[in-house]
Structure formats: structure tokens, C-alpha cells
Amino acid sequence: MIEIRNVSQRFAGPQGWIEALHNVNLTIPQGEVFGIIGRSGAGKSTLVRTINLLTRPTEGDIVVNGRTLTSLSSADLREARREIGMIFQHFNLLSSRTVFDNVALPLELAGMKRAEIEAAVLPLLELVGLTAQKDRYPSQISGGQKQRVGIARALASKPKVLLSDEATSALDPETTRAILDLLRKINRELKLTVVMITHQMEVIKQVCDRVAVLDAGRVVESGPVIDVFLQPRHEVTRALLGDVIAQELPPALKVRVTERLAKGNAHLLRLAFTGTGVDQPVLSETIRRFELDFNILHGQIDEIQGQAFGSLAVLAAGDPVKVAQAITWLREQGVVVEELSHVE
């Protein structure tokens, strides 16, 4: 559905050229909710704006639904953009127009008749839960309702792709969850491909099928969300995951664990497991089988896209040979095991 091929983006700055994107390659299948995450300044918003060519890449191609947008004429590009809706962080509503008229705006610009506009807009307002607010103005509704207007407006042209540029970052946590649930509902019911730009791993966890991690304009990691949570490979990914998975030990505990590790009689392990492995007695079986002592330092059980996910940090004490055997056995049971030589 969406192919980002060798895309680079450079801007002229006071000290020379700034490379916002560097040789980005991504494929986003039809019907998927795909997340793009990174720290501030990583190039996320620049990347999403190349998908509809609001920002034209310096190098590379953008292919959407089989059409190479970067090679289209201006007229053909305008036509292709009708299949790409976009929602923004700050809503971008017109204060002088009602909820209904804000949603109707792209249809008016396309020259549709009033009866046709009503037939298209009213079901969208029902979809996003704003039928009762259709005659109100933006100043009369909440932030979450404004974003729902933005979503309905983006859907008015019946797009095949929906781009979301930090659409929930200005909202409170409860409203964010409601908006993400709405976007997932839209994805499933309308079969839309959704691209989510965010700096919040919680957003990725709640709604995305796959994720790409950006750092300094480069894709440093990508894959199914559950795989990235289980086995993050890049330090930026690990740092972002720290917002949703407790990885830091309390300071006093760090001191004691460091002392144990210095004596060489313990091993610090990070375990991650998913699916049916979450509710299996893997740890107790490991202790019995290999005659080890496990001290659980911290951990949590969570859910990612309906799939159970667990993460534990444990201090394993016992015969080093048996610890090594235990690690091998745990991996054979589908547990991701990372042996840490230091305390993070």
C-alpha cells in the first residue's frame, strides 16, 4: 500500500545543509496501523509529510496504492492526495464554522451539492460520536471532540490512507485512549491503512500492528510491535520503552545488586515472554530443574494488541554452569533472556 524508497530530506540551514531524513526505506501493508516513533527532532513529522508530498523529498520515491507520487504532475498529485487523509496535533479547525461545516469543508471544495454533503457528513459524525454536537462551534467543544471533528473531516473524502501526526499528544490520557480506540475502530471497519506519528510508546502499544523507530533521520529498528517490545535492539528503542516497561531499578536496590555482581556470585537477567508463556510456571520449573535461587527485582505483566506480555529482572544465584544451562533452557521455552553485566 505504501512504499517509502530511499527517501532523504535536506534543508538549508544557517550553518549549511541539515539532513532531516537519511535513506529511509519502509513498506506499510494495506489495512495496517503502522507506528513511527522517535524522540523530538528525529524526523518523524518530516517523514509522514513526505507520504502525501506536503514535503517533497530531496531524494527517493513515495509509492501509495501503486502510484509513484513523486513522479506525478501537479493535477494528478492533487487527485492522488484525495485518497490520503491527515489529522493533526492542533486540530486545525475553522473557528467560524460549525462541527458539521468543518467536516463538510473538503467536500464543498470538491464541488459536491449540499444534499450529497449531508449524506456523507452525517454518517461520519455518527461514526465519531458527534451527532449531538453537529451545530456547535469549535470553542464550544472539548479537545477530544475537536480531534474527533478532525478525524471525521479527514475521512470525508473517503481516503484509503489516514496519516496521524501526533494527533493525541495535546490530549489528556483518558481522551487519548478514547481517540486511539476510535482510530482502531476506523481502521477495522473502513479497512483504512493508518500511519501514526508519535513520541509515546504507550500509543504504539495500544493501537499499532508494526512500528519503525527513527533516530536522527534514520530508521534504527522496525518490526511487529510485540517483537520490538520483546527484544529491543537499539538504545533509543530501549529508552522509549522505559515509558511503558519498568527497566530502571530503584537507587538503593541498584547499589546492592552492583555489590552482588562485583562478587561474581550472581547473574543479572532480563526476561521477556509473551502469549501462553505469561501464565506458565517457567520460573519455578527453572529453580527446581537447575537448583538456582531467583530473586525477582522488578517486573510487570501487560497486554499488547490483545496479547499478554511479561517482563522481569531477576538476580540468579548458583553454580555458573547451571545458570548457563538455565538460560539455554529458558530460551528453548520461548523466553527472551538478556544477561546483563551491569545495572542499568
Protein backbone atom coordinates (compact mmCIF):
# COMPACT_ATOMS: atom_id res chain seq x y z
CA MET A 1 0.00 0.00 0.00
CA ILE A 2 2.73 2.49 0.99
CA GLU A 3 6.37 2.22 -0.05
CA ILE A 4 9.00 4.70 1.10
CA ARG A 5 12.02 4.09 -1.11
CA ASN A 6 15.47 5.52 -0.34
CA VAL A 7 13.97 8.78 0.93
CA SER A 8 16.30 11.52 2.10
CA GLN A 9 15.38 15.07 3.01
CA ARG A 10 17.78 18.01 3.34
CA PHE A 11 17.06 21.59 4.33
CA ALA A 12 19.28 24.63 4.06
CA GLY A 13 20.32 25.94 7.49
CA PRO A 14 22.43 28.85 8.72
CA GLN A 15 25.43 26.53 9.20
CA GLY A 16 24.88 24.56 5.98
CA TRP A 17 22.66 21.67 4.97
CA ILE A 18 20.58 19.84 7.58
CA GLU A 19 19.76 16.20 6.82
CA ALA A 20 16.33 15.55 8.34
CA LEU A 21 15.94 12.10 6.75
CA HIS A 22 18.64 9.72 5.53
CA ASN A 23 17.92 6.88 3.11
CA VAL A 24 14.64 5.78 4.72
CA ASN A 25 13.07 2.57 3.39
CA LEU A 26 9.73 1.32 4.74
CA THR A 27 6.86 -0.80 3.42
CA ILE A 28 3.44 -0.43 5.04
CA PRO A 29 0.89 -3.12 4.03
CA GLN A 30 -2.73 -2.30 3.28
CA GLY A 31 -5.05 -2.26 6.29
CA GLU A 32 -2.26 -1.99 8.86
CA VAL A 33 -1.84 0.50 11.69
CA PHE A 34 1.83 1.42 11.41
CA GLY A 35 3.60 3.49 14.05
CA ILE A 36 6.61 5.75 13.52
CA ILE A 37 8.21 6.76 16.81
CA GLY A 38 11.27 8.69 17.90
CA ARG A 39 12.48 11.50 20.09
CA SER A 40 11.86 15.15 19.28
CA GLY A 41 13.81 16.11 16.18
CA ALA A 42 14.17 12.52 14.94
CA GLY A 43 12.44 13.37 11.63
CA LYS A 44 9.03 11.79 12.31
CA SER A 45 6.84 14.66 11.12
CA THR A 46 9.08 15.29 8.13
CA LEU A 47 8.73 11.64 7.16
CA VAL A 48 4.94 11.49 7.44
CA ARG A 49 4.63 14.68 5.38
CA THR A 50 6.61 13.10 2.57
CA ILE A 51 3.92 10.41 2.25
CA ASN A 52 1.42 12.92 0.82
CA LEU A 53 4.20 15.16 -0.51
CA LEU A 54 3.36 18.12 1.71
CA THR A 55 7.15 17.91 1.98
CA ARG A 56 8.76 16.70 -1.23
CA PRO A 57 11.82 14.51 -0.52
CA THR A 58 15.21 15.62 -1.76
CA GLU A 59 15.85 12.06 -2.94
CA GLY A 60 13.82 8.88 -3.22
CA ASP A 61 10.27 7.89 -4.13
CA ILE A 62 6.91 7.61 -2.39
CA VAL A 63 4.50 4.97 -3.72
CA VAL A 64 0.91 4.93 -2.45
CA ASN A 65 -1.61 2.40 -3.73
CA GLY A 66 0.62 1.59 -6.69
CA ARG A 67 1.16 5.21 -7.78
CA THR A 68 4.57 6.84 -7.54
CA LEU A 69 3.56 10.23 -6.15
CA THR A 70 6.99 11.77 -6.65
CA SER A 71 6.64 11.40 -10.43
CA LEU A 72 3.06 12.72 -10.79
CA SER A 73 2.07 16.00 -12.38
CA SER A 74 0.54 18.67 -10.13
CA ALA A 75 -3.00 17.80 -11.28
CA ASP A 76 -2.51 14.06 -10.80
CA LEU A 77 -0.93 14.67 -7.38
CA ARG A 78 -3.98 16.68 -6.26
CA GLU A 79 -6.17 13.76 -7.30
CA ALA A 80 -3.95 11.23 -5.52
CA ARG A 81 -4.00 13.29 -2.31
CA ARG A 82 -7.79 12.82 -2.07
CA GLU A 83 -7.01 9.22 -1.11
CA ILE A 84 -4.78 10.35 1.77
CA GLY A 85 -6.44 11.91 4.82
CA MET A 86 -4.48 13.64 7.57
CA ILE A 87 -5.15 14.59 11.18
CA PHE A 88 -3.02 16.99 13.18
CA GLN A 89 -1.91 17.63 16.75
CA HIS A 90 -3.66 21.01 17.00
CA PHE A 91 -6.87 20.06 15.13
CA ASN A 92 -6.69 22.93 12.53
CA LEU A 93 -10.43 23.63 12.69
CA LEU A 94 -12.03 26.82 11.39
CA SER A 95 -13.49 28.67 14.39
CA SER A 96 -16.20 30.37 12.29
CA ARG A 97 -17.65 27.07 11.05
CA THR A 98 -19.77 24.56 12.97
CA VAL A 99 -18.73 20.97 13.57
CA PHE A 100 -20.83 19.91 10.56
CA ASP A 101 -19.38 22.60 8.31
CA ASN A 102 -15.78 21.84 9.33
CA VAL A 103 -16.28 18.21 8.29
CA ALA A 104 -18.05 19.31 5.12
CA LEU A 105 -15.27 21.68 4.02
CA PRO A 106 -13.27 19.30 1.78
CA LEU A 107 -16.50 18.18 0.09
CA GLU A 108 -17.52 21.79 -0.55
CA LEU A 109 -14.11 22.46 -2.06
CA ALA A 110 -14.60 19.40 -4.29
CA GLY A 111 -17.85 20.95 -5.61
CA MET A 112 -20.36 18.50 -4.11
CA LYS A 113 -24.01 19.51 -3.77
CA ARG A 114 -25.49 20.20 -0.34
CA ALA A 115 -27.66 17.09 -0.32
CA GLU A 116 -24.67 14.92 -1.20
CA ILE A 117 -22.60 16.60 1.51
CA GLU A 118 -25.26 15.92 4.16
CA ALA A 119 -25.48 12.29 3.07
CA ALA A 120 -21.71 11.95 3.51
CA VAL A 121 -21.15 14.03 6.66
CA LEU A 122 -23.96 12.83 8.93
CA PRO A 123 -22.77 9.16 8.98
CA LEU A 124 -19.22 10.36 9.73
CA LEU A 125 -20.45 12.42 12.68
CA GLU A 126 -22.26 9.34 13.96
CA LEU A 127 -19.08 7.25 13.49
CA VAL A 128 -17.00 9.63 15.62
CA GLY A 129 -19.77 10.20 18.19
CA LEU A 130 -20.56 13.85 17.44
CA THR A 131 -24.09 13.79 16.04
CA ALA A 132 -25.41 15.82 19.00
CA GLN A 133 -22.63 18.42 18.58
CA LYS A 134 -23.02 18.99 14.82
CA ASP A 135 -24.27 22.60 15.19
CA ARG A 136 -21.72 23.67 17.79
CA TYR A 137 -18.59 25.72 17.10
CA PRO A 138 -15.03 24.62 18.00
CA SER A 139 -14.99 26.96 21.01
CA GLN A 140 -18.00 25.08 22.41
CA ILE A 141 -16.50 21.58 22.40
CA SER A 142 -13.64 19.81 24.21
CA GLY A 143 -10.18 19.00 22.90
CA GLY A 144 -11.10 15.35 22.38
CA GLN A 145 -14.23 16.35 20.46
CA LYS A 146 -12.17 18.74 18.31
CA GLN A 147 -9.89 15.85 17.38
CA ARG A 148 -12.94 13.76 16.51
CA VAL A 149 -14.02 16.57 14.15
CA GLY A 150 -10.54 16.47 12.61
CA ILE A 151 -10.81 12.72 12.11
CA ALA A 152 -14.26 12.99 10.52
CA ARG A 153 -13.01 15.75 8.21
CA ALA A 154 -10.04 13.60 7.18
CA LEU A 155 -12.45 10.76 6.35
CA ALA A 156 -14.86 12.93 4.33
CA SER A 157 -13.10 12.29 1.02
CA LYS A 158 -13.18 8.50 1.61
CA PRO A 159 -9.39 8.12 1.75
CA LYS A 160 -7.56 4.80 1.63
CA VAL A 161 -4.77 6.07 3.87
CA LEU A 162 -5.02 8.08 7.10
CA LEU A 163 -1.94 9.92 8.39
CA SER A 164 -1.88 10.93 12.06
CA ASP A 165 0.80 13.46 13.05
CA GLU A 166 1.00 13.46 16.89
CA ALA A 167 -2.81 13.50 16.95
CA THR A 168 -3.06 12.64 20.66
CA SER A 169 -0.08 14.46 22.18
CA ALA A 170 -2.18 17.51 23.17
CA LEU A 171 -4.82 15.38 24.91
CA ASP A 172 -5.11 14.00 28.44
CA PRO A 173 -4.52 10.24 28.96
CA GLU A 174 -8.20 9.27 29.15
CA THR A 175 -9.09 11.21 26.00
CA THR A 176 -6.01 9.80 24.26
CA ARG A 177 -7.18 6.25 24.91
CA ALA A 178 -10.64 7.09 23.54
CA ILE A 179 -9.20 8.64 20.36
CA LEU A 180 -6.87 5.67 19.83
CA ASP A 181 -9.80 3.27 20.26
CA LEU A 182 -11.68 5.30 17.65
CA LEU A 183 -8.77 5.15 15.20
CA ARG A 184 -8.53 1.38 15.67
CA LYS A 185 -12.28 1.09 15.07
CA ILE A 186 -11.97 3.14 11.88
CA ASN A 187 -9.04 1.01 10.75
CA ARG A 188 -11.05 -2.19 11.18
CA GLU A 189 -14.45 -1.02 9.91
CA LEU A 190 -13.27 1.06 6.94
CA LYS A 191 -10.20 -1.10 6.15
CA LEU A 192 -8.02 2.03 6.20
CA THR A 193 -4.25 1.98 6.33
CA VAL A 194 -3.25 4.21 9.25
CA VAL A 195 0.20 5.73 9.81
CA MET A 196 0.71 7.02 13.37
CA ILE A 197 3.47 9.51 14.20
CA THR A 198 4.14 9.69 17.94
CA HIS A 199 6.82 10.09 20.58
CA GLN A 200 4.80 7.99 23.06
CA MET A 201 5.43 4.24 23.20
CA GLU A 202 2.10 3.88 25.02
CA VAL A 203 0.37 4.91 21.78
CA ILE A 204 2.33 2.29 19.84
CA LYS A 205 1.44 -0.36 22.42
CA GLN A 206 -2.27 0.38 22.34
CA VAL A 207 -3.03 0.67 18.65
CA CYS A 208 -0.21 -0.26 16.24
CA ASP A 209 0.49 -3.54 14.43
CA ARG A 210 4.08 -2.67 13.50
CA VAL A 211 6.49 0.11 14.36
CA ALA A 212 9.57 1.84 12.99
CA VAL A 213 11.94 3.68 15.34
CA LEU A 214 13.58 6.84 13.99
CA ASP A 215 16.76 8.43 15.31
CA ALA A 216 18.47 11.40 13.66
CA GLY A 217 16.54 10.81 10.44
CA ARG A 218 17.42 7.11 10.18
CA VAL A 219 15.29 4.01 10.77
CA VAL A 220 17.22 2.22 13.52
CA GLU A 221 14.71 -0.54 14.19
CA SER A 222 11.41 -1.83 12.80
CA GLY A 223 9.13 -4.83 13.09
CA PRO A 224 5.94 -6.14 14.70
CA VAL A 225 5.20 -4.26 17.92
CA ILE A 226 5.28 -7.39 20.08
CA ASP A 227 8.74 -8.32 18.71
CA VAL A 228 10.13 -4.85 19.34
CA PHE A 229 8.81 -4.94 22.92
CA LEU A 230 10.22 -8.42 23.50
CA GLN A 231 13.66 -7.78 22.05
CA PRO A 232 14.52 -4.10 21.50
CA ARG A 233 17.86 -3.90 19.70
CA HIS A 234 18.66 -0.18 19.68
CA GLU A 235 19.36 2.03 22.69
CA VAL A 236 16.78 4.59 21.53
CA THR A 237 14.11 1.88 21.46
CA ARG A 238 15.07 0.75 24.95
CA ALA A 239 14.87 4.32 26.21
CA LEU A 240 11.42 4.84 24.68
CA LEU A 241 10.22 1.52 26.07
CA GLY A 242 11.19 2.75 29.53
CA ASP A 243 7.99 4.82 29.50
CA VAL A 244 5.80 1.70 29.44
CA ILE A 245 8.05 -1.07 30.78
CA ALA A 246 9.84 -0.51 34.08
CA GLN A 247 13.54 -1.07 33.38
CA GLU A 248 15.26 1.09 35.97
CA LEU A 249 15.92 -0.36 39.43
CA PRO A 250 15.36 1.85 42.48
CA PRO A 251 18.66 3.56 43.50
CA ALA A 252 19.08 1.68 46.80
CA LEU A 253 18.47 -1.65 45.06
CA LYS A 254 20.98 -0.74 42.34
CA VAL A 255 23.71 -0.40 44.98
CA ARG A 256 23.00 -3.82 46.50
CA VAL A 257 22.78 -5.55 43.11
CA THR A 258 26.03 -3.94 41.97
CA GLU A 259 27.74 -5.28 45.09
CA ARG A 260 26.43 -8.80 44.40
CA LEU A 261 27.57 -8.66 40.78
CA ALA A 262 31.04 -7.45 41.84
CA LYS A 263 31.47 -10.55 44.00
CA GLY A 264 30.87 -12.74 40.96
CA ASN A 265 28.30 -14.97 42.66
CA ALA A 266 25.18 -13.76 40.85
CA HIS A 267 23.89 -13.10 37.34
CA LEU A 268 21.51 -10.26 36.45
CA LEU A 269 18.99 -11.43 33.84
CA ARG A 270 16.22 -9.65 31.99
CA LEU A 271 13.42 -12.00 30.91
CA ALA A 272 10.65 -11.22 28.44
CA PHE A 273 7.85 -13.56 27.48
CA THR A 274 4.54 -13.40 25.69
CA GLY A 275 1.39 -15.36 24.89
CA THR A 276 0.77 -18.53 26.88
CA GLY A 277 4.26 -18.26 28.40
CA VAL A 278 2.99 -15.47 30.66
CA ASP A 279 0.84 -17.80 32.77
CA GLN A 280 3.17 -20.81 32.76
CA PRO A 281 5.27 -21.68 35.88
CA VAL A 282 8.54 -21.24 33.96
CA LEU A 283 10.48 -19.62 36.80
CA SER A 284 9.55 -22.20 39.42
CA GLU A 285 10.39 -25.01 36.99
CA THR A 286 13.78 -23.38 36.27
CA ILE A 287 14.54 -23.14 40.01
CA ARG A 288 13.67 -26.81 40.58
CA ARG A 289 15.39 -28.12 37.47
CA PHE A 290 18.70 -26.29 37.92
CA GLU A 291 18.78 -25.75 41.69
CA LEU A 292 19.10 -21.98 41.47
CA ASP A 293 17.94 -19.08 43.62
CA PHE A 294 15.99 -16.41 41.73
CA ASN A 295 15.41 -13.00 43.30
CA ILE A 296 12.83 -11.01 41.33
CA LEU A 297 13.93 -7.36 41.29
CA HIS A 298 11.13 -5.84 39.28
CA GLY A 299 8.62 -6.78 36.60
CA GLN A 300 5.18 -6.39 35.12
CA ILE A 301 2.50 -8.13 33.07
CA ASP A 302 0.85 -6.09 30.34
CA GLU A 303 -1.09 -6.54 27.12
CA ILE A 304 -0.06 -5.57 23.60
CA GLN A 305 -2.73 -5.81 20.91
CA GLY A 306 -4.64 -8.38 22.93
CA GLN A 307 -1.55 -10.48 23.56
CA ALA A 308 -0.18 -10.90 27.10
CA PHE A 309 3.36 -9.62 27.61
CA GLY A 310 5.62 -10.03 30.64
CA SER A 311 8.96 -8.52 31.61
CA LEU A 312 11.10 -9.41 34.64
CA ALA A 313 14.53 -8.52 36.00
CA VAL A 314 15.92 -11.31 38.20
CA LEU A 315 19.13 -11.97 40.09
CA ALA A 316 20.11 -15.62 39.60
CA ALA A 317 22.47 -17.20 42.14
CA GLY A 318 24.02 -20.67 41.91
CA ASP A 319 26.53 -22.78 40.00
CA PRO A 320 27.61 -20.73 36.93
CA VAL A 321 27.37 -23.84 34.74
CA LYS A 322 23.79 -24.40 35.85
CA VAL A 323 22.95 -20.72 35.30
CA ALA A 324 24.17 -21.09 31.70
CA GLN A 325 22.12 -24.26 31.30
CA ALA A 326 19.07 -22.49 32.75
CA ILE A 327 19.44 -19.63 30.27
CA THR A 328 19.57 -22.11 27.39
CA TRP A 329 16.51 -23.95 28.71
CA LEU A 330 14.53 -20.73 29.19
CA ARG A 331 15.25 -19.72 25.60
CA GLU A 332 14.03 -23.12 24.44
CA GLN A 333 10.74 -22.35 26.22
CA GLY A 334 10.36 -19.16 24.15
CA VAL A 335 11.58 -16.77 26.85
CA VAL A 336 13.80 -13.93 25.65
CA VAL A 337 16.78 -13.83 28.02
CA GLU A 338 19.30 -10.98 28.17
CA GLU A 339 22.21 -11.38 30.56
CA LEU A 340 23.30 -8.02 31.93
CA SER A 341 26.82 -7.48 33.18
CA HIS A 342 25.90 -4.16 34.75
CA VAL A 343 22.95 -2.48 36.45
CA GLU A 344 21.03 -0.06 34.22
